[in-house]
Amino acid sequence: MTEYEKLVRVKVPAHHVGDDEAGVRLAYAIDLFLRGVVSLGRAAELANMHIYDFIMELRRRSLFAFSYSEEEIREELGI
């Protein structure tokens, strides 16, 4: 553990299925990203995932990695 890390204990229900540590890391990374605390790349690092896989996981959860205003979309598309 580095000076920038802190160990946090979290109780998880016994019926939880899957890799608890990975799930907690992913949930933490998603939360920080959605609140704008960390970048997409940093969130992927925190989740210990490749950025593409992190984006796909966000999509699977009906979340978006990028948010563009209507004006930005029109500008990008040239319409």
PDB file of N, CA and C in Angstrom:
ATOM      1  N   MET A   1       0.843  -1.172   0.000  1.00  0.00           N
ATOM      2  CA  MET A   1       0.000   0.000   0.000  1.00  0.00           C
ATOM      3  C   MET A   1       0.891   1.239   0.000  1.00  0.00           C
ATOM      4  N   THR A   2       0.547   2.218  -0.823  1.00  0.00           N
ATOM      5  CA  THR A   2       1.342   3.444  -0.911  1.00  0.00           C
ATOM      6  C   THR A   2       0.757   4.502   0.019  1.00  0.00           C
ATOM      7  N   GLU A   3       1.445   5.625   0.128  1.00  0.00           N
ATOM      8  CA  GLU A   3       0.957   6.708   0.977  1.00  0.00           C
ATOM      9  C   GLU A   3      -0.341   7.316   0.438  1.00  0.00           C
ATOM     10  N   TYR A   4      -0.654   7.039  -0.826  1.00  0.00           N
ATOM     11  CA  TYR A   4      -1.875   7.571  -1.440  1.00  0.00           C
ATOM     12  C   TYR A   4      -3.042   6.603  -1.356  1.00  0.00           C
ATOM     13  N   GLU A   5      -2.813   5.468  -0.757  1.00  0.00           N
ATOM     14  CA  GLU A   5      -3.862   4.461  -0.635  1.00  0.00           C
ATOM     15  C   GLU A   5      -4.316   4.360   0.815  1.00  0.00           C
ATOM     16  N   LYS A   6      -5.568   3.970   0.968  1.00  0.00           N
ATOM     17  CA  LYS A   6      -6.120   3.779   2.290  1.00  0.00           C
ATOM     18  C   LYS A   6      -6.919   2.488   2.278  1.00  0.00           C
ATOM     19  N   LEU A   7      -6.727   1.669   3.263  1.00  0.00           N
ATOM     20  CA  LEU A   7      -7.458   0.411   3.366  1.00  0.00           C
ATOM     21  C   LEU A   7      -8.814   0.690   3.996  1.00  0.00           C
ATOM     22  N   VAL A   8      -9.873   0.254   3.312  1.00  0.00           N
ATOM     23  CA  VAL A   8     -11.232   0.447   3.802  1.00  0.00           C
ATOM     24  C   VAL A   8     -11.896  -0.912   3.879  1.00  0.00           C
ATOM     25  N   ARG A   9     -12.543  -1.196   4.988  1.00  0.00           N
ATOM     26  CA  ARG A   9     -13.246  -2.472   5.145  1.00  0.00           C
ATOM     27  C   ARG A   9     -14.728  -2.240   4.879  1.00  0.00           C
ATOM     28  N   VAL A  10     -15.293  -3.098   4.046  1.00  0.00           N
ATOM     29  CA  VAL A  10     -16.703  -2.997   3.687  1.00  0.00           C
ATOM     30  C   VAL A  10     -17.339  -4.365   3.865  1.00  0.00           C
ATOM     31  N   LYS A  11     -18.463  -4.410   4.547  1.00  0.00           N
ATOM     32  CA  LYS A  11     -19.184  -5.672   4.698  1.00  0.00           C
ATOM     33  C   LYS A  11     -20.066  -5.873   3.469  1.00  0.00           C
ATOM     34  N   VAL A  12     -19.968  -7.052   2.883  1.00  0.00           N
ATOM     35  CA  VAL A  12     -20.737  -7.397   1.691  1.00  0.00           C
ATOM     36  C   VAL A  12     -21.616  -8.582   2.050  1.00  0.00           C
ATOM     37  N   PRO A  13     -22.900  -8.553   1.661  1.00  0.00           N
ATOM     38  CA  PRO A  13     -23.783  -9.679   1.979  1.00  0.00           C
ATOM     39  C   PRO A  13     -23.205 -11.009   1.492  1.00  0.00           C
ATOM     40  N   ALA A  14     -23.390 -12.046   2.289  1.00  0.00           N
ATOM     41  CA  ALA A  14     -22.830 -13.360   1.980  1.00  0.00           C
ATOM     42  C   ALA A  14     -23.355 -13.917   0.665  1.00  0.00           C
ATOM     43  N   HIS A  15     -24.552 -13.526   0.265  1.00  0.00           N
ATOM     44  CA  HIS A  15     -25.135 -14.058  -0.976  1.00  0.00           C
ATOM     45  C   HIS A  15     -24.605 -13.359  -2.224  1.00  0.00           C
ATOM     46  N   HIS A  16     -23.741 -12.361  -2.042  1.00  0.00           N
ATOM     47  CA  HIS A  16     -23.174 -11.662  -3.201  1.00  0.00           C
ATOM     48  C   HIS A  16     -22.355 -12.647  -4.024  1.00  0.00           C
ATOM     49  N   VAL A  17     -22.589 -12.640  -5.319  1.00  0.00           N
ATOM     50  CA  VAL A  17     -21.904 -13.571  -6.210  1.00  0.00           C
ATOM     51  C   VAL A  17     -20.828 -12.822  -6.980  1.00  0.00           C
ATOM     52  N   GLY A  18     -19.687 -13.425  -7.155  1.00  0.00           N
ATOM     53  CA  GLY A  18     -18.627 -12.830  -7.955  1.00  0.00           C
ATOM     54  C   GLY A  18     -17.421 -12.471  -7.120  1.00  0.00           C
ATOM     55  N   ASP A  19     -16.504 -11.805  -7.757  1.00  0.00           N
ATOM     56  CA  ASP A  19     -15.263 -11.388  -7.116  1.00  0.00           C
ATOM     57  C   ASP A  19     -15.528 -10.083  -6.374  1.00  0.00           C
ATOM     58  N   ASP A  20     -15.674 -10.168  -5.058  1.00  0.00           N
ATOM     59  CA  ASP A  20     -16.058  -9.011  -4.256  1.00  0.00           C
ATOM     60  C   ASP A  20     -15.098  -7.839  -4.414  1.00  0.00           C
ATOM     61  N   GLU A  21     -13.802  -8.101  -4.367  1.00  0.00           N
ATOM     62  CA  GLU A  21     -12.829  -7.013  -4.464  1.00  0.00           C
ATOM     63  C   GLU A  21     -12.931  -6.301  -5.808  1.00  0.00           C
ATOM     64  N   ALA A  22     -13.027  -7.069  -6.885  1.00  0.00           N
ATOM     65  CA  ALA A  22     -13.134  -6.472  -8.220  1.00  0.00           C
ATOM     66  C   ALA A  22     -14.426  -5.677  -8.349  1.00  0.00           C
ATOM     67  N   GLY A  23     -15.507  -6.193  -7.798  1.00  0.00           N
ATOM     68  CA  GLY A  23     -16.795  -5.500  -7.864  1.00  0.00           C
ATOM     69  C   GLY A  23     -16.782  -4.185  -7.104  1.00  0.00           C
ATOM     70  N   VAL A  24     -16.138  -4.188  -5.950  1.00  0.00           N
ATOM     71  CA  VAL A  24     -16.043  -2.963  -5.153  1.00  0.00           C
ATOM     72  C   VAL A  24     -15.161  -1.940  -5.855  1.00  0.00           C
ATOM     73  N   ARG A  25     -14.044  -2.400  -6.415  1.00  0.00           N
ATOM     74  CA  ARG A  25     -13.156  -1.497  -7.157  1.00  0.00           C
ATOM     75  C   ARG A  25     -13.893  -0.868  -8.336  1.00  0.00           C
ATOM     76  N   LEU A  26     -14.654  -1.684  -9.055  1.00  0.00           N
ATOM     77  CA  LEU A  26     -15.404  -1.186 -10.208  1.00  0.00           C
ATOM     78  C   LEU A  26     -16.465  -0.178  -9.769  1.00  0.00           C
ATOM     79  N   ALA A  27     -17.214  -0.499  -8.730  1.00  0.00           N
ATOM     80  CA  ALA A  27     -18.255   0.413  -8.249  1.00  0.00           C
ATOM     81  C   ALA A  27     -17.648   1.739  -7.800  1.00  0.00           C
ATOM     82  N   TYR A  28     -16.528   1.677  -7.119  1.00  0.00           N
ATOM     83  CA  TYR A  28     -15.832   2.881  -6.653  1.00  0.00           C
ATOM     84  C   TYR A  28     -15.375   3.724  -7.845  1.00  0.00           C
ATOM     85  N   ALA A  29     -14.789   3.069  -8.838  1.00  0.00           N
ATOM     86  CA  ALA A  29     -14.294   3.769 -10.024  1.00  0.00           C
ATOM     87  C   ALA A  29     -15.442   4.422 -10.792  1.00  0.00           C
ATOM     88  N   ILE A  30     -16.541   3.703 -10.959  1.00  0.00           N
ATOM     89  CA  ILE A  30     -17.698   4.248 -11.662  1.00  0.00           C
ATOM     90  C   ILE A  30     -18.251   5.452 -10.908  1.00  0.00           C
ATOM     91  N   ASP A  31     -18.373   5.330  -9.602  1.00  0.00           N
ATOM     92  CA  ASP A  31     -18.892   6.437  -8.799  1.00  0.00           C
ATOM     93  C   ASP A  31     -18.016   7.675  -8.948  1.00  0.00           C
ATOM     94  N   LEU A  32     -16.712   7.519  -8.818  1.00  0.00           N
ATOM     95  CA  LEU A  32     -15.806   8.663  -8.940  1.00  0.00           C
ATOM     96  C   LEU A  32     -15.882   9.281 -10.330  1.00  0.00           C
ATOM     97  N   PHE A  33     -15.966   8.442 -11.358  1.00  0.00           N
ATOM     98  CA  PHE A  33     -16.047   8.945 -12.728  1.00  0.00           C
ATOM     99  C   PHE A  33     -17.349   9.721 -12.955  1.00  0.00           C
ATOM    100  N   LEU A  34     -18.471   9.154 -12.540  1.00  0.00           N
ATOM    101  CA  LEU A  34     -19.759   9.797 -12.770  1.00  0.00           C
ATOM    102  C   LEU A  34     -19.887  11.117 -12.012  1.00  0.00           C
ATOM    103  N   ARG A  35     -19.221  11.221 -10.874  1.00  0.00           N
ATOM    104  CA  ARG A  35     -19.243  12.470 -10.111  1.00  0.00           C
ATOM    105  C   ARG A  35     -18.216  13.471 -10.615  1.00  0.00           C
ATOM    106  N   GLY A  36     -17.412  13.073 -11.605  1.00  0.00           N
ATOM    107  CA  GLY A  36     -16.436  13.981 -12.186  1.00  0.00           C
ATOM    108  C   GLY A  36     -15.182  14.154 -11.352  1.00  0.00           C
ATOM    109  N   VAL A  37     -14.958  13.253 -10.414  1.00  0.00           N
ATOM    110  CA  VAL A  37     -13.786  13.335  -9.537  1.00  0.00           C
ATOM    111  C   VAL A  37     -12.536  12.865 -10.272  1.00  0.00           C
ATOM    112  N   VAL A  38     -12.693  11.854 -11.128  1.00  0.00           N
ATOM    113  CA  VAL A  38     -11.560  11.325 -11.887  1.00  0.00           C
ATOM    114  C   VAL A  38     -11.920  11.241 -13.367  1.00  0.00           C
ATOM    115  N   SER A  39     -10.903  11.195 -14.189  1.00  0.00           N
ATOM    116  CA  SER A  39     -11.094  11.051 -15.634  1.00  0.00           C
ATOM    117  C   SER A  39     -11.493   9.620 -15.973  1.00  0.00           C
ATOM    118  N   LEU A  40     -11.890   9.435 -17.202  1.00  0.00           N
ATOM    119  CA  LEU A  40     -12.238   8.102 -17.687  1.00  0.00           C
ATOM    120  C   LEU A  40     -11.046   7.158 -17.563  1.00  0.00           C
ATOM    121  N   GLY A  41      -9.887   7.630 -17.995  1.00  0.00           N
ATOM    122  CA  GLY A  41      -8.686   6.795 -17.920  1.00  0.00           C
ATOM    123  C   GLY A  41      -8.315   6.421 -16.504  1.00  0.00           C
ATOM    124  N   ARG A  42      -8.415   7.387 -15.598  1.00  0.00           N
ATOM    125  CA  ARG A  42      -8.078   7.112 -14.196  1.00  0.00           C
ATOM    126  C   ARG A  42      -9.086   6.153 -13.580  1.00  0.00           C
ATOM    127  N   ALA A  43     -10.356   6.304 -13.929  1.00  0.00           N
ATOM    128  CA  ALA A  43     -11.380   5.394 -13.423  1.00  0.00           C
ATOM    129  C   ALA A  43     -11.097   3.969 -13.884  1.00  0.00           C
ATOM    130  N   ALA A  44     -10.712   3.811 -15.145  1.00  0.00           N
ATOM    131  CA  ALA A  44     -10.367   2.481 -15.658  1.00  0.00           C
ATOM    132  C   ALA A  44      -9.191   1.899 -14.886  1.00  0.00           C
ATOM    133  N   GLU A  45      -8.198   2.736 -14.595  1.00  0.00           N
ATOM    134  CA  GLU A  45      -7.045   2.278 -13.798  1.00  0.00           C
ATOM    135  C   GLU A  45      -7.491   1.826 -12.414  1.00  0.00           C
ATOM    136  N   LEU A  46      -8.339   2.610 -11.775  1.00  0.00           N
ATOM    137  CA  LEU A  46      -8.818   2.263 -10.436  1.00  0.00           C
ATOM    138  C   LEU A  46      -9.590   0.947 -10.448  1.00  0.00           C
ATOM    139  N   ALA A  47     -10.316   0.713 -11.531  1.00  0.00           N
ATOM    140  CA  ALA A  47     -11.082  -0.526 -11.672  1.00  0.00           C
ATOM    141  C   ALA A  47     -10.191  -1.688 -12.114  1.00  0.00           C
ATOM    142  N   ASN A  48      -8.928  -1.366 -12.408  1.00  0.00           N
ATOM    143  CA  ASN A  48      -7.971  -2.365 -12.888  1.00  0.00           C
ATOM    144  C   ASN A  48      -8.457  -2.988 -14.200  1.00  0.00           C
ATOM    145  N   MET A  49      -8.942  -2.113 -15.105  1.00  0.00           N
ATOM    146  CA  MET A  49      -9.473  -2.549 -16.386  1.00  0.00           C
ATOM    147  C   MET A  49      -8.845  -1.741 -17.512  1.00  0.00           C
ATOM    148  N   HIS A  50      -8.821  -2.317 -18.692  1.00  0.00           N
ATOM    149  CA  HIS A  50      -8.443  -1.577 -19.888  1.00  0.00           C
ATOM    150  C   HIS A  50      -9.546  -0.543 -20.122  1.00  0.00           C
ATOM    151  N   ILE A  51      -9.202   0.616 -20.620  1.00  0.00           N
ATOM    152  CA  ILE A  51     -10.182   1.687 -20.801  1.00  0.00           C
ATOM    153  C   ILE A  51     -11.354   1.253 -21.691  1.00  0.00           C
ATOM    154  N   TYR A  52     -11.076   0.470 -22.733  1.00  0.00           N
ATOM    155  CA  TYR A  52     -12.150  -0.020 -23.604  1.00  0.00           C
ATOM    156  C   TYR A  52     -13.125  -0.885 -22.804  1.00  0.00           C
ATOM    157  N   ASP A  53     -12.593  -1.782 -21.982  1.00  0.00           N
ATOM    158  CA  ASP A  53     -13.453  -2.651 -21.179  1.00  0.00           C
ATOM    159  C   ASP A  53     -14.270  -1.845 -20.169  1.00  0.00           C
ATOM    160  N   PHE A  54     -13.664  -0.788 -19.626  1.00  0.00           N
ATOM    161  CA  PHE A  54     -14.382   0.070 -18.689  1.00  0.00           C
ATOM    162  C   PHE A  54     -15.541   0.774 -19.402  1.00  0.00           C
ATOM    163  N   ILE A  55     -15.288   1.287 -20.597  1.00  0.00           N
ATOM    164  CA  ILE A  55     -16.347   1.945 -21.375  1.00  0.00           C
ATOM    165  C   ILE A  55     -17.465   0.953 -21.684  1.00  0.00           C
ATOM    166  N   MET A  56     -17.104  -0.272 -22.053  1.00  0.00           N
ATOM    167  CA  MET A  56     -18.110  -1.284 -22.351  1.00  0.00           C
ATOM    168  C   MET A  56     -18.909  -1.650 -21.108  1.00  0.00           C
ATOM    169  N   GLU A  57     -18.253  -1.665 -19.952  1.00  0.00           N
ATOM    170  CA  GLU A  57     -18.959  -1.943 -18.695  1.00  0.00           C
ATOM    171  C   GLU A  57     -19.944  -0.818 -18.379  1.00  0.00           C
ATOM    172  N   LEU A  58     -19.546   0.418 -18.627  1.00  0.00           N
ATOM    173  CA  LEU A  58     -20.470   1.539 -18.442  1.00  0.00           C
ATOM    174  C   LEU A  58     -21.682   1.371 -19.353  1.00  0.00           C
ATOM    175  N   ARG A  59     -21.445   1.024 -20.615  1.00  0.00           N
ATOM    176  CA  ARG A  59     -22.542   0.816 -21.578  1.00  0.00           C
ATOM    177  C   ARG A  59     -23.470  -0.286 -21.111  1.00  0.00           C
ATOM    178  N   ARG A  60     -22.877  -1.390 -20.597  1.00  0.00           N
ATOM    179  CA  ARG A  60     -23.668  -2.526 -20.119  1.00  0.00           C
ATOM    180  C   ARG A  60     -24.625  -2.080 -19.010  1.00  0.00           C
ATOM    181  N   ARG A  61     -24.201  -1.076 -18.251  1.00  0.00           N
ATOM    182  CA  ARG A  61     -25.004  -0.549 -17.154  1.00  0.00           C
ATOM    183  C   ARG A  61     -25.861   0.648 -17.585  1.00  0.00           C
ATOM    184  N   SER A  62     -25.943   0.880 -18.886  1.00  0.00           N
ATOM    185  CA  SER A  62     -26.695   2.009 -19.458  1.00  0.00           C
ATOM    186  C   SER A  62     -26.177   3.358 -18.967  1.00  0.00           C
ATOM    187  N   LEU A  63     -24.867   3.431 -18.792  1.00  0.00           N
ATOM    188  CA  LEU A  63     -24.197   4.676 -18.420  1.00  0.00           C
ATOM    189  C   LEU A  63     -23.355   5.114 -19.609  1.00  0.00           C
ATOM    190  N   PHE A  64     -23.032   6.377 -19.653  1.00  0.00           N
ATOM    191  CA  PHE A  64     -22.309   6.900 -20.796  1.00  0.00           C
ATOM    192  C   PHE A  64     -20.957   7.457 -20.379  1.00  0.00           C
ATOM    193  N   ALA A  65     -19.938   7.110 -21.147  1.00  0.00           N
ATOM    194  CA  ALA A  65     -18.591   7.586 -20.876  1.00  0.00           C
ATOM    195  C   ALA A  65     -18.412   9.025 -21.320  1.00  0.00           C
ATOM    196  N   PHE A  66     -19.203   9.436 -22.281  1.00  0.00           N
ATOM    197  CA  PHE A  66     -19.069  10.777 -22.835  1.00  0.00           C
ATOM    198  C   PHE A  66     -20.431  11.434 -22.853  1.00  0.00           C
ATOM    199  N   SER A  67     -20.477  12.687 -22.505  1.00  0.00           N
ATOM    200  CA  SER A  67     -21.745  13.417 -22.598  1.00  0.00           C
ATOM    201  C   SER A  67     -21.507  14.672 -23.425  1.00  0.00           C
ATOM    202  N   TYR A  68     -22.238  14.752 -24.496  1.00  0.00           N
ATOM    203  CA  TYR A  68     -22.126  15.893 -25.391  1.00  0.00           C
ATOM    204  C   TYR A  68     -23.449  16.636 -25.406  1.00  0.00           C
ATOM    205  N   SER A  69     -23.373  17.952 -25.450  1.00  0.00           N
ATOM    206  CA  SER A  69     -24.582  18.745 -25.588  1.00  0.00           C
ATOM    207  C   SER A  69     -25.059  18.622 -27.028  1.00  0.00           C
ATOM    208  N   GLU A  70     -26.296  19.008 -27.265  1.00  0.00           N
ATOM    209  CA  GLU A  70     -26.831  18.965 -28.628  1.00  0.00           C
ATOM    210  C   GLU A  70     -25.984  19.840 -29.547  1.00  0.00           C
ATOM    211  N   GLU A  71     -25.562  20.986 -29.044  1.00  0.00           N
ATOM    212  CA  GLU A  71     -24.731  21.904 -29.829  1.00  0.00           C
ATOM    213  C   GLU A  71     -23.390  21.260 -30.204  1.00  0.00           C
ATOM    214  N   GLU A  72     -22.776  20.567 -29.249  1.00  0.00           N
ATOM    215  CA  GLU A  72     -21.493  19.895 -29.531  1.00  0.00           C
ATOM    216  C   GLU A  72     -21.663  18.797 -30.567  1.00  0.00           C
ATOM    217  N   ILE A  73     -22.762  18.078 -30.487  1.00  0.00           N
ATOM    218  CA  ILE A  73     -23.019  17.006 -31.454  1.00  0.00           C
ATOM    219  C   ILE A  73     -23.194  17.593 -32.846  1.00  0.00           C
ATOM    220  N   ARG A  74     -23.980  18.649 -32.946  1.00  0.00           N
ATOM    221  CA  ARG A  74     -24.212  19.292 -34.239  1.00  0.00           C
ATOM    222  C   ARG A  74     -22.892  19.821 -34.813  1.00  0.00           C
ATOM    223  N   GLU A  75     -22.084  20.444 -33.959  1.00  0.00           N
ATOM    224  CA  GLU A  75     -20.791  20.977 -34.405  1.00  0.00           C
ATOM    225  C   GLU A  75     -19.882  19.855 -34.902  1.00  0.00           C
ATOM    226  N   GLU A  76     -19.839  18.760 -34.147  1.00  0.00           N
ATOM    227  CA  GLU A  76     -18.989  17.636 -34.522  1.00  0.00           C
ATOM    228  C   GLU A  76     -19.431  17.025 -35.843  1.00  0.00           C
ATOM    229  N   LEU A  77     -20.764  16.948 -36.048  1.00  0.00           N
ATOM    230  CA  LEU A  77     -21.309  16.366 -37.269  1.00  0.00           C
ATOM    231  C   LEU A  77     -21.395  17.369 -38.413  1.00  0.00           C
ATOM    232  N   GLY A  78     -21.173  18.626 -38.103  1.00  0.00           N
ATOM    233  CA  GLY A  78     -21.223  19.659 -39.136  1.00  0.00           C
ATOM    234  C   GLY A  78     -22.622  19.934 -39.636  1.00  0.00           C
ATOM    235  N   ILE A  79     -23.606  19.837 -38.759  1.00  0.00           N
ATOM    236  CA  ILE A  79     -24.989  20.114 -39.165  1.00  0.00           C
ATOM    237  C   ILE A  79     -25.570  21.287 -38.395  1.00  0.00           C
TER     238      ILE A  79
END
